Protein backbone atom coordinates (compact mmCIF):
# COMPACT_ATOMS: atom_id res chain seq x y z
CA MET A 1 0.00 0.00 0.00
CA THR A 2 1.70 3.15 -1.19
CA GLY A 3 -0.90 5.69 -0.14
CA ASP A 4 -1.18 7.09 -3.69
CA ALA A 5 -4.53 5.46 -4.53
CA ARG A 6 -7.85 6.89 -3.42
CA PRO A 7 -9.18 4.99 -0.40
CA SER A 8 -11.84 2.40 -1.12
CA THR A 9 -15.45 3.12 -0.25
CA ARG A 10 -15.25 0.61 2.60
CA MET A 11 -12.14 2.21 4.03
CA ARG A 12 -13.71 5.66 3.82
CA LEU A 13 -16.75 4.38 5.73
CA ILE A 14 -14.56 2.73 8.38
CA THR A 15 -12.50 5.90 8.75
CA ALA A 16 -15.65 7.98 9.15
CA PHE A 17 -16.89 5.61 11.87
CA LEU A 18 -13.58 5.82 13.67
CA ARG A 19 -13.39 9.60 13.46
CA HIS A 20 -16.97 10.41 14.41
CA VAL A 21 -17.85 7.53 16.75
CA ASN A 22 -14.77 5.71 18.06
CA LYS A 23 -12.34 8.58 18.63
CA PRO A 24 -14.72 10.81 20.64
CA ARG A 25 -16.03 7.79 22.55
CA VAL A 26 -12.54 6.84 23.70
CA ALA A 27 -11.61 10.48 24.36
CA ARG A 28 -14.49 11.00 26.78
CA ALA A 29 -14.52 7.55 28.40
CA LYS A 30 -14.63 8.08 32.15
CA ASN A 31 -12.46 5.13 33.08
CA LEU A 32 -10.48 2.22 31.72
CA ALA A 33 -13.37 -0.21 32.16
CA ALA A 34 -15.43 1.92 29.77
CA MET A 35 -12.63 1.96 27.20
CA ARG A 36 -12.15 -1.80 27.45
CA GLY A 37 -15.86 -2.43 27.09
CA TRP A 38 -16.10 -0.19 24.04
CA LEU A 39 -13.25 -1.99 22.27
CA GLU A 40 -14.84 -5.36 22.94
CA ARG A 41 -18.16 -4.14 21.52
CA ALA A 42 -16.72 -2.23 18.57
CA VAL A 43 -14.53 -4.96 17.08
CA PRO A 44 -17.42 -7.28 16.12
CA MET A 45 -18.99 -4.38 14.22
CA LEU A 46 -16.00 -4.21 11.89
CA ALA A 47 -14.36 -7.65 11.89
CA ALA A 48 -15.18 -11.32 11.45
CA MET A 49 -13.14 -14.49 11.65
CA PRO A 50 -12.01 -15.73 8.23
CA THR A 51 -13.25 -19.07 6.98
CA GLY A 52 -11.08 -22.03 7.95
CA ALA A 53 -9.50 -20.48 11.05
CA THR A 54 -11.38 -21.87 14.03
CA PRO A 55 -9.65 -20.67 17.23
CA ARG A 56 -8.34 -23.26 19.65
CA GLU A 57 -8.09 -22.23 23.30
CA VAL A 58 -4.94 -23.08 25.21
CA GLU A 59 -3.73 -21.79 28.55
CA GLY A 60 -3.09 -18.08 28.22
CA ALA A 61 -3.60 -17.88 24.45
CA LEU A 62 -5.53 -18.85 21.34
CA TRP A 63 -4.18 -20.84 18.40
CA VAL A 64 -5.62 -19.80 15.02
CA GLY A 65 -4.91 -20.80 11.45
CA PRO A 66 -3.34 -23.89 9.89
CA SER A 67 -2.11 -26.91 11.79
CA GLU A 68 1.36 -26.80 13.30
CA ARG A 69 4.15 -27.92 10.96
CA GLY A 70 7.38 -26.70 12.48
CA VAL A 71 6.67 -22.97 12.21
CA ALA A 72 4.52 -20.48 14.10
CA ILE A 73 3.63 -16.82 14.41
CA LEU A 74 3.57 -15.30 17.89
CA TYR A 75 0.88 -12.62 17.59
CA LEU A 76 0.76 -9.79 20.14
CA HIS A 77 -2.49 -7.82 20.12
CA GLY A 78 -2.91 -4.08 20.26
CA GLY A 79 -4.87 -2.00 22.73
CA GLY A 80 -2.37 0.41 24.26
CA PHE A 81 -1.04 -2.22 26.69
CA VAL A 82 -4.23 -1.69 28.74
CA MET A 83 -6.98 -3.01 26.45
CA GLY A 84 -7.51 -5.78 23.93
CA ALA A 85 -7.32 -9.54 24.17
CA PRO A 86 -6.94 -12.53 21.85
CA GLU A 87 -10.70 -12.32 21.24
CA THR A 88 -10.50 -8.76 19.89
CA HIS A 89 -7.64 -9.53 17.50
CA ARG A 90 -8.05 -13.19 16.61
CA HIS A 91 -9.54 -12.32 13.21
CA LEU A 92 -6.40 -10.38 12.22
CA ALA A 93 -4.06 -13.05 13.57
CA ALA A 94 -6.07 -15.73 11.76
CA ALA A 95 -5.98 -13.86 8.45
CA LEU A 96 -2.23 -13.36 8.82
CA ALA A 97 -1.78 -17.03 9.72
CA LEU A 98 -3.69 -18.14 6.63
CA ALA A 99 -1.73 -15.74 4.43
CA ALA A 100 1.56 -17.05 5.84
CA ASP A 101 0.40 -20.70 5.94
CA ALA A 102 1.55 -20.87 9.55
CA PRO A 103 -0.42 -21.19 12.79
CA ALA A 104 -0.54 -18.13 15.03
CA LEU A 105 -0.48 -18.13 18.82
CA VAL A 106 -2.41 -15.05 19.98
CA LEU A 107 -1.07 -14.33 23.43
CA ARG A 108 -3.21 -13.26 26.37
CA TYR A 109 -0.45 -11.16 27.90
CA ARG A 110 -0.99 -9.36 31.19
CA ARG A 111 -2.27 -5.81 30.79
CA ALA A 112 -1.52 -2.59 32.62
CA PRO A 113 -2.34 -1.02 35.02
CA GLU A 114 -3.00 -4.25 36.91
CA HIS A 115 0.35 -5.50 35.65
CA PRO A 116 2.74 -2.68 34.63
CA HIS A 117 5.88 -3.00 32.53
CA PRO A 118 7.74 -5.34 32.20
CA ALA A 119 4.82 -7.80 32.52
CA GLN A 120 3.87 -7.50 28.83
CA ILE A 121 7.32 -8.17 27.39
CA ASP A 122 7.97 -10.82 30.05
CA ASP A 123 4.87 -12.70 28.91
CA ALA A 124 5.81 -12.32 25.25
CA LEU A 125 9.29 -13.64 25.97
CA ALA A 126 7.94 -16.58 27.97
CA ALA A 127 5.62 -17.54 25.11
CA TYR A 128 8.45 -17.18 22.60
CA ARG A 129 10.74 -19.27 24.77
CA GLY A 130 8.12 -22.01 24.90
CA LEU A 131 7.64 -22.06 21.14
CA VAL A 132 11.39 -22.19 20.51
CA ALA A 133 11.74 -25.01 23.06
CA ARG A 134 9.31 -27.02 20.95
CA GLY A 135 11.67 -26.70 18.00
CA LEU A 136 9.51 -24.22 16.11
CA ARG A 137 10.79 -21.49 13.81
CA VAL A 138 8.90 -18.42 15.01
CA ALA A 139 7.91 -15.06 13.52
CA ALA A 140 6.84 -12.23 15.83
CA ALA A 141 3.96 -9.99 14.80
CA GLY A 142 1.62 -7.45 16.33
CA ASP A 143 -0.33 -4.24 15.90
CA SER A 144 -0.02 -0.94 17.78
CA ALA A 145 1.11 -1.80 21.33
CA GLY A 146 1.58 -5.40 20.21
CA GLY A 147 3.70 -4.19 17.31
CA GLY A 148 5.98 -2.46 19.81
CA LEU A 149 6.21 -5.68 21.82
CA ALA A 150 7.05 -7.61 18.66
CA CYS A 151 9.90 -5.18 17.95
CA ALA A 152 11.17 -5.40 21.54
CA LEU A 153 11.07 -9.19 21.52
CA THR A 154 14.28 -9.54 19.50
CA LEU A 155 16.21 -7.58 22.14
CA ALA A 156 14.59 -9.55 24.98
CA ALA A 157 15.36 -12.86 23.29
CA ARG A 158 19.00 -11.93 22.73
CA ARG A 159 19.42 -10.97 26.37
CA GLU A 160 18.36 -14.51 27.27
CA GLY A 161 20.56 -16.16 24.66
CA LEU A 162 17.58 -17.27 22.58
CA PRO A 163 17.64 -17.24 18.77
CA ASP A 164 16.17 -14.26 16.95
CA PRO A 165 12.66 -14.50 15.57
CA ALA A 166 12.69 -15.44 11.90
CA CYS A 167 11.24 -11.99 11.21
CA VAL A 168 9.07 -9.29 12.74
CA ALA A 169 5.86 -7.80 11.32
CA ALA A 170 4.61 -4.65 13.05
CA PHE A 171 1.46 -2.76 12.07
CA SER A 172 1.56 0.87 13.29
CA PRO A 173 3.76 -0.06 16.26
CA TRP A 174 3.83 2.00 19.44
CA CYS A 175 7.54 2.00 20.22
CA ASP A 176 8.27 5.10 22.32
CA MET A 177 6.91 5.68 25.83
CA THR A 178 8.64 9.07 26.13
CA LEU A 179 5.90 10.66 24.01
CA THR A 180 8.44 12.88 22.25
CA SER A 181 7.61 11.95 18.66
CA PRO A 182 6.66 15.10 16.70
CA THR A 183 3.71 13.35 15.04
CA LEU A 184 1.94 13.02 18.39
CA ARG A 185 1.25 16.73 18.07
CA ALA A 186 1.35 17.22 14.32
CA ASN A 187 -1.22 14.49 13.61
CA MET A 188 -3.68 15.16 16.44
CA ARG A 189 -6.40 16.14 13.97
CA SER A 190 -5.53 13.85 11.08
CA ASP A 191 -5.49 10.64 13.14
CA ALA A 192 -9.00 9.24 12.75
CA MET A 193 -8.79 6.65 15.53
CA LEU A 194 -6.62 7.69 18.46
CA PRO A 195 -7.26 10.65 20.81
CA ALA A 196 -3.88 12.17 21.65
CA GLU A 197 -5.10 13.40 25.03
CA ARG A 198 -5.22 9.84 26.42
CA PHE A 199 -1.61 8.90 25.65
CA ALA A 200 0.04 10.29 28.80
CA GLU A 201 -2.57 8.57 30.95
CA VAL A 202 -1.97 5.22 29.26
CA VAL A 203 1.82 5.55 29.53
CA ALA A 204 1.47 6.27 33.25
CA MET A 205 -0.62 3.12 33.62
CA ARG A 206 1.92 1.01 31.79
CA MET A 207 5.16 2.42 33.17
CA ALA A 208 4.01 3.01 36.79
CA GLY A 209 6.96 5.32 37.38
CA GLY A 210 9.45 3.20 35.45
CA ASP A 211 11.96 4.55 32.95
CA PRO A 212 10.18 5.26 29.64
CA ARG A 213 13.53 4.96 27.85
CA ASP A 214 13.91 1.30 28.82
CA PRO A 215 14.40 -0.31 25.39
CA LEU A 216 12.16 -3.22 26.36
CA ALA A 217 9.35 -0.68 26.83
CA SER A 218 10.48 1.71 24.08
CA PRO A 219 12.37 -0.28 21.44
CA VAL A 220 13.27 2.90 19.56
CA PHE A 221 16.05 3.11 22.17
CA ALA A 222 17.29 -0.42 21.47
CA ARG A 223 20.88 -0.92 20.40
CA PHE A 224 21.59 -4.17 18.61
CA ASP A 225 25.08 -5.67 18.61
CA ALA A 226 24.30 -7.62 15.43
CA PRO A 227 21.79 -7.09 12.60
CA PRO A 228 18.23 -7.78 13.78
CA PRO A 229 15.91 -10.05 11.77
CA PRO A 230 13.99 -8.74 8.75
CA LEU A 231 11.25 -6.27 9.65
CA PHE A 232 7.95 -5.60 7.85
CA ILE A 233 6.43 -2.41 9.18
CA THR A 234 3.39 -0.35 8.24
CA ALA A 235 2.08 3.05 9.27
CA SER A 236 -0.15 5.84 8.05
CA ARG A 237 1.34 9.27 7.53
CA ALA A 238 -1.86 10.65 9.08
CA GLU A 239 -1.62 8.78 12.39
CA LEU A 240 -0.18 9.79 15.73
CA LEU A 241 2.30 6.89 15.72
CA ALA A 242 3.79 7.66 12.31
CA GLY A 243 6.90 8.98 14.04
CA ASP A 244 7.26 5.83 16.14
CA ALA A 245 7.16 3.64 13.05
CA ALA A 246 9.69 5.79 11.20
CA ALA A 247 12.04 5.86 14.19
CA MET A 248 11.77 2.09 14.69
CA ALA A 249 12.57 1.45 11.05
CA GLU A 250 15.62 3.71 11.30
CA VAL A 251 16.91 1.91 14.41
CA TRP A 252 16.53 -1.39 12.56
CA ARG A 253 18.35 -0.13 9.47
CA ALA A 254 21.13 1.47 11.51
CA ALA A 255 21.81 -1.94 13.06
CA GLY A 256 22.05 -3.56 9.63
CA GLY A 257 18.56 -5.04 9.57
CA ARG A 258 16.49 -5.31 6.42
CA VAL A 259 13.30 -3.23 6.54
CA THR A 260 10.24 -3.43 4.32
CA MET A 261 8.29 -0.22 5.04
CA ARG A 262 4.75 0.35 3.81
CA TRP A 263 3.23 3.79 4.24
CA SER A 264 -0.34 4.86 3.65
CA ALA A 265 -1.18 8.49 3.06
CA ASP A 266 -4.40 8.53 5.04
CA ALA A 267 -5.48 5.08 6.25
CA PRO A 268 -6.39 4.82 9.93
CA HIS A 269 -4.04 3.59 12.62
CA ALA A 270 -3.32 -0.15 12.37
CA TRP A 271 -5.53 -0.54 9.31
CA PRO A 272 -4.78 -4.29 8.91
CA VAL A 273 -7.18 -4.74 11.86
CA PHE A 274 -9.93 -4.19 9.29
CA VAL A 275 -8.96 -7.23 7.24
CA GLY A 276 -12.04 -8.76 5.68
CA ALA A 277 -13.81 -5.39 5.76
CA ALA A 278 -11.58 -3.21 3.54
CA PRO A 279 -9.44 -4.15 0.52
CA GLU A 280 -6.50 -2.07 1.74
CA ALA A 281 -6.35 -4.17 4.90
CA ASP A 282 -6.67 -7.38 2.90
CA ALA A 283 -3.78 -6.37 0.64
CA THR A 284 -1.49 -5.42 3.51
CA VAL A 285 -2.18 -8.63 5.43
CA ALA A 286 -1.57 -10.67 2.28
CA GLU A 287 1.79 -8.95 1.74
CA ALA A 288 2.78 -9.34 5.38
CA GLY A 289 1.79 -13.01 5.25
CA ALA A 290 3.93 -13.60 2.18
CA PHE A 291 6.83 -11.84 3.90
CA ILE A 292 6.48 -14.05 6.97
CA ALA A 293 6.09 -17.21 4.89
CA SER A 294 9.32 -16.53 3.01
CA ARG A 295 11.23 -16.03 6.27
CA LEU A 296 9.75 -19.01 8.04
CA SER A 297 10.70 -21.17 5.08
CA GLY A 298 14.28 -19.92 5.28
CA GLU A 299 14.19 -18.01 1.99
CA ASN A 300 16.19 -14.79 1.67
CA ARG A 301 17.73 -14.97 5.10
CA PRO A 302 19.98 -11.99 5.83
């Protein structure tokens, strides 16, 4: 998705819903319970499980997609580290799994504020460790907050002496808890989904007084001692987190990693979430799935 084409009718309708219903609803939510409840109600309005991807419940996660055959995707859902669950993102993980021909484990990681950082990356690392221990070749993927966790996972794995993920796919990742990205201010109006006024509150919930420059919380501050695995990353130039995505891609490239960057001019934040509802989302998920499939198969390794 280059951002040059006019948005589809479906994407325009979704964007209008986000701008005029979702964004003000989240902005004026009185508490976290209200925000969580809204997300859980809103997702079914816009998303459905793809055919042939019946979820299978396991402890702390859902498996979706094809049967296991030596490879897997560890999918980390979005929701600002405080919302979301496998149930809200299983449709996206399933579509990605089918596109990559690899099963996806959608992790039920612990959320803030009940469990502040580093609970989220600790849970992601534990799940990754378990998959690797089973002899699986694993790709890491996620959207928004989950995209940031997917990017941080390589650093966390290396600190434990684990192998790198085969690749990372991050859709509009939130990678900087310092809230210093210029697009957080520049794109306040153009972002159709996210209300900028809630970001500081959410960071306070997640970090609970911890250092926002911790690279496991803010992987834009990561320093890799060897090239990281290939990265597929998407973002909209209109969204608040455009700067996070650009900075993350630059950190990856500076360390010698290969980056496939896909920008949209005006799609909403984390538009692959609307897979099955908008052709732009379908196309991006298909491309990300092909990227993951090639890496899981061992093709084009760096």
